[in-house]
């Protein structure tokens, strides 16, 4: 009886190890998406390019800063 219990415990440990190994591989296979950061020409804060406002060749963090730079 004790040998059967020992085999069950070993099988469960192997199963848990294999399952955790598969999860680590799935996470590492995913691509990491990065985005360029730009600096506001008015205040200097850094923000993602998709969230910035472009005017000419400069980037701004808000319409207020863009308008303030035009004055």
N, C-alpha and C. Protein backbone atom coordinates (compact mmCIF):
# COMPACT_ATOMS: atom_id res chain seq x y z
N UNK A 1 0.81 -1.19 0.00
CA UNK A 1 0.00 0.00 0.00
C UNK A 1 0.86 1.26 0.00
N UNK A 2 1.95 1.25 0.76
CA UNK A 2 2.81 2.43 0.83
C UNK A 2 3.54 2.66 -0.49
N UNK A 3 3.85 1.59 -1.21
CA UNK A 3 4.50 1.74 -2.51
C UNK A 3 3.54 2.39 -3.52
N UNK A 4 2.29 2.02 -3.48
CA UNK A 4 1.29 2.61 -4.36
C UNK A 4 1.12 4.10 -4.07
N UNK A 5 1.08 4.44 -2.80
CA UNK A 5 0.98 5.84 -2.40
C UNK A 5 2.22 6.62 -2.87
N UNK A 6 3.39 6.04 -2.74
CA UNK A 6 4.62 6.68 -3.18
C UNK A 6 4.60 6.90 -4.70
N UNK A 7 4.12 5.93 -5.47
CA UNK A 7 4.02 6.07 -6.92
C UNK A 7 3.04 7.18 -7.30
N UNK A 8 1.95 7.30 -6.58
CA UNK A 8 0.98 8.36 -6.85
C UNK A 8 1.58 9.72 -6.57
N UNK A 9 2.32 9.85 -5.49
CA UNK A 9 2.97 11.13 -5.15
C UNK A 9 4.02 11.49 -6.20
N UNK A 10 4.80 10.55 -6.65
CA UNK A 10 5.82 10.80 -7.67
C UNK A 10 5.15 11.20 -8.99
N UNK A 11 4.09 10.53 -9.37
CA UNK A 11 3.38 10.86 -10.61
C UNK A 11 2.80 12.27 -10.54
N UNK A 12 2.25 12.63 -9.39
CA UNK A 12 1.68 13.97 -9.23
C UNK A 12 2.77 15.03 -9.32
N UNK A 13 3.93 14.77 -8.72
CA UNK A 13 5.04 15.73 -8.77
C UNK A 13 5.54 15.90 -10.20
N UNK A 14 5.66 14.83 -10.95
CA UNK A 14 6.10 14.91 -12.34
C UNK A 14 5.07 15.68 -13.16
N UNK A 15 3.80 15.41 -12.94
CA UNK A 15 2.74 16.12 -13.66
C UNK A 15 2.80 17.62 -13.38
N UNK A 16 2.96 18.01 -12.13
CA UNK A 16 3.02 19.43 -11.78
C UNK A 16 4.26 20.10 -12.37
N UNK A 17 5.38 19.41 -12.38
CA UNK A 17 6.60 19.97 -12.97
C UNK A 17 6.44 20.18 -14.48
N UNK A 18 5.88 19.20 -15.16
CA UNK A 18 5.67 19.33 -16.61
C UNK A 18 4.68 20.45 -16.92
N UNK A 19 3.65 20.58 -16.12
CA UNK A 19 2.66 21.63 -16.35
C UNK A 19 3.27 23.02 -16.16
N UNK A 20 4.09 23.19 -15.13
CA UNK A 20 4.71 24.50 -14.92
C UNK A 20 5.74 24.80 -16.01
N UNK A 21 6.44 23.79 -16.50
CA UNK A 21 7.41 23.98 -17.58
C UNK A 21 6.71 24.43 -18.86
N UNK A 22 5.54 23.86 -19.17
CA UNK A 22 4.80 24.25 -20.36
C UNK A 22 4.33 25.70 -20.26
N UNK A 23 3.88 26.11 -19.10
CA UNK A 23 3.42 27.49 -18.92
C UNK A 23 4.55 28.48 -19.13
N UNK A 24 5.73 28.17 -18.66
CA UNK A 24 6.88 29.06 -18.85
C UNK A 24 7.22 29.19 -20.33
N UNK A 25 7.13 28.11 -21.07
CA UNK A 25 7.41 28.15 -22.51
C UNK A 25 6.37 28.96 -23.26
N UNK A 26 5.10 28.86 -22.87
CA UNK A 26 4.05 29.63 -23.54
C UNK A 26 4.25 31.12 -23.33
N UNK A 27 4.67 31.53 -22.15
CA UNK A 27 4.88 32.94 -21.85
C UNK A 27 6.08 33.46 -22.62
N UNK A 28 7.13 32.68 -22.73
CA UNK A 28 8.33 33.14 -23.42
C UNK A 28 8.15 33.18 -24.94
N UNK A 29 7.17 32.45 -25.48
CA UNK A 29 6.93 32.44 -26.92
C UNK A 29 6.20 33.69 -27.39
N UNK A 30 5.53 34.40 -26.51
CA UNK A 30 4.78 35.58 -26.90
C UNK A 30 5.73 36.71 -27.26
N UNK A 31 5.32 37.49 -28.27
CA UNK A 31 6.14 38.62 -28.71
C UNK A 31 5.92 39.81 -27.79
N UNK A 32 7.00 40.52 -27.54
CA UNK A 32 6.91 41.74 -26.75
C UNK A 32 6.78 42.91 -27.71
N UNK A 33 5.71 43.67 -27.54
CA UNK A 33 5.45 44.81 -28.42
C UNK A 33 5.93 46.07 -27.71
N UNK A 34 6.80 46.81 -28.37
CA UNK A 34 7.31 48.05 -27.79
C UNK A 34 6.91 49.21 -28.69
N UNK A 35 6.94 50.39 -28.13
CA UNK A 35 6.57 51.58 -28.89
C UNK A 35 7.61 52.66 -28.63
N UNK A 36 7.87 53.45 -29.64
CA UNK A 36 8.82 54.55 -29.51
C UNK A 36 8.29 55.60 -28.55
N UNK A 37 9.19 56.16 -27.75
CA UNK A 37 8.84 57.25 -26.84
C UNK A 37 9.35 58.55 -27.45
N UNK A 38 8.56 59.60 -27.28
CA UNK A 38 8.96 60.92 -27.78
C UNK A 38 8.90 61.91 -26.62
N UNK A 39 9.58 63.03 -26.79
CA UNK A 39 9.66 64.05 -25.74
C UNK A 39 8.84 65.26 -26.14
N UNK A 40 8.04 65.76 -25.21
CA UNK A 40 7.25 66.96 -25.48
C UNK A 40 8.21 68.13 -25.67
N UNK A 41 8.02 68.88 -26.75
CA UNK A 41 8.91 70.00 -27.05
C UNK A 41 8.69 71.17 -26.08
N UNK A 42 7.59 71.18 -25.37
CA UNK A 42 7.29 72.29 -24.46
C UNK A 42 7.75 71.99 -23.03
N UNK A 43 7.33 70.85 -22.47
CA UNK A 43 7.62 70.59 -21.06
C UNK A 43 8.67 69.50 -20.84
N UNK A 44 8.97 68.71 -21.86
CA UNK A 44 10.02 67.71 -21.75
C UNK A 44 9.56 66.34 -21.26
N UNK A 45 8.27 66.16 -21.01
CA UNK A 45 7.80 64.85 -20.55
C UNK A 45 7.88 63.85 -21.70
N UNK A 46 8.20 62.58 -21.36
CA UNK A 46 8.28 61.52 -22.36
C UNK A 46 6.96 60.76 -22.39
N UNK A 47 6.47 60.47 -23.59
CA UNK A 47 5.22 59.74 -23.74
C UNK A 47 5.28 58.90 -25.01
N UNK A 48 4.42 57.87 -25.11
CA UNK A 48 4.42 57.05 -26.32
C UNK A 48 4.04 57.88 -27.55
N UNK A 49 4.63 57.52 -28.67
CA UNK A 49 4.39 58.27 -29.90
C UNK A 49 2.90 58.28 -30.27
N UNK A 50 2.18 57.19 -30.00
CA UNK A 50 0.77 57.12 -30.37
C UNK A 50 -0.09 58.06 -29.53
N UNK A 51 0.37 58.45 -28.35
CA UNK A 51 -0.39 59.36 -27.50
C UNK A 51 0.02 60.82 -27.68
N UNK A 52 1.04 61.07 -28.47
CA UNK A 52 1.53 62.43 -28.63
C UNK A 52 0.79 63.15 -29.76
N UNK A 53 0.95 64.47 -29.77
CA UNK A 53 0.37 65.32 -30.81
C UNK A 53 1.54 65.88 -31.60
N UNK A 54 1.54 65.64 -32.91
CA UNK A 54 2.66 66.07 -33.74
C UNK A 54 2.28 67.36 -34.46
N UNK A 55 3.19 68.31 -34.40
CA UNK A 55 3.02 69.57 -35.12
C UNK A 55 4.35 69.87 -35.80
N UNK A 56 4.37 69.75 -37.10
CA UNK A 56 5.64 69.91 -37.83
C UNK A 56 6.52 68.71 -37.54
N UNK A 57 7.71 68.97 -37.07
CA UNK A 57 8.62 67.88 -36.72
C UNK A 57 8.75 67.72 -35.21
N UNK A 58 7.90 68.37 -34.43
CA UNK A 58 7.95 68.30 -32.96
C UNK A 58 6.73 67.57 -32.42
N UNK A 59 6.91 67.00 -31.23
CA UNK A 59 5.84 66.26 -30.56
C UNK A 59 5.46 66.99 -29.28
N UNK A 60 4.17 66.92 -28.93
CA UNK A 60 3.66 67.58 -27.73
C UNK A 60 2.78 66.60 -26.96
N UNK A 61 2.69 66.83 -25.64
CA UNK A 61 1.90 65.95 -24.80
C UNK A 61 0.43 66.35 -24.75
N UNK A 62 0.11 67.56 -25.13
CA UNK A 62 -1.28 68.01 -25.12
C UNK A 62 -1.46 69.14 -26.14
N UNK A 63 -2.72 69.42 -26.43
CA UNK A 63 -3.01 70.51 -27.37
C UNK A 63 -2.64 71.85 -26.76
N UNK A 64 -2.73 71.97 -25.44
CA UNK A 64 -2.35 73.22 -24.78
C UNK A 64 -0.87 73.52 -24.97
N UNK A 65 -0.04 72.53 -24.86
CA UNK A 65 1.40 72.73 -25.06
C UNK A 65 1.72 73.01 -26.52
N UNK A 66 1.01 72.35 -27.42
CA UNK A 66 1.20 72.64 -28.84
C UNK A 66 0.83 74.09 -29.15
N UNK A 67 -0.30 74.54 -28.61
CA UNK A 67 -0.74 75.92 -28.85
C UNK A 67 0.17 76.92 -28.19
N UNK A 68 0.70 76.61 -27.00
CA UNK A 68 1.61 77.51 -26.30
C UNK A 68 2.92 77.67 -27.08
N UNK A 69 3.36 76.63 -27.76
CA UNK A 69 4.60 76.71 -28.53
C UNK A 69 4.41 77.53 -29.80
N UNK A 70 3.20 77.59 -30.30
CA UNK A 70 2.93 78.36 -31.52
C UNK A 70 2.96 79.86 -31.26
N UNK A 71 2.71 80.26 -30.01
CA UNK A 71 2.64 81.70 -29.69
C UNK A 71 3.98 82.32 -29.60
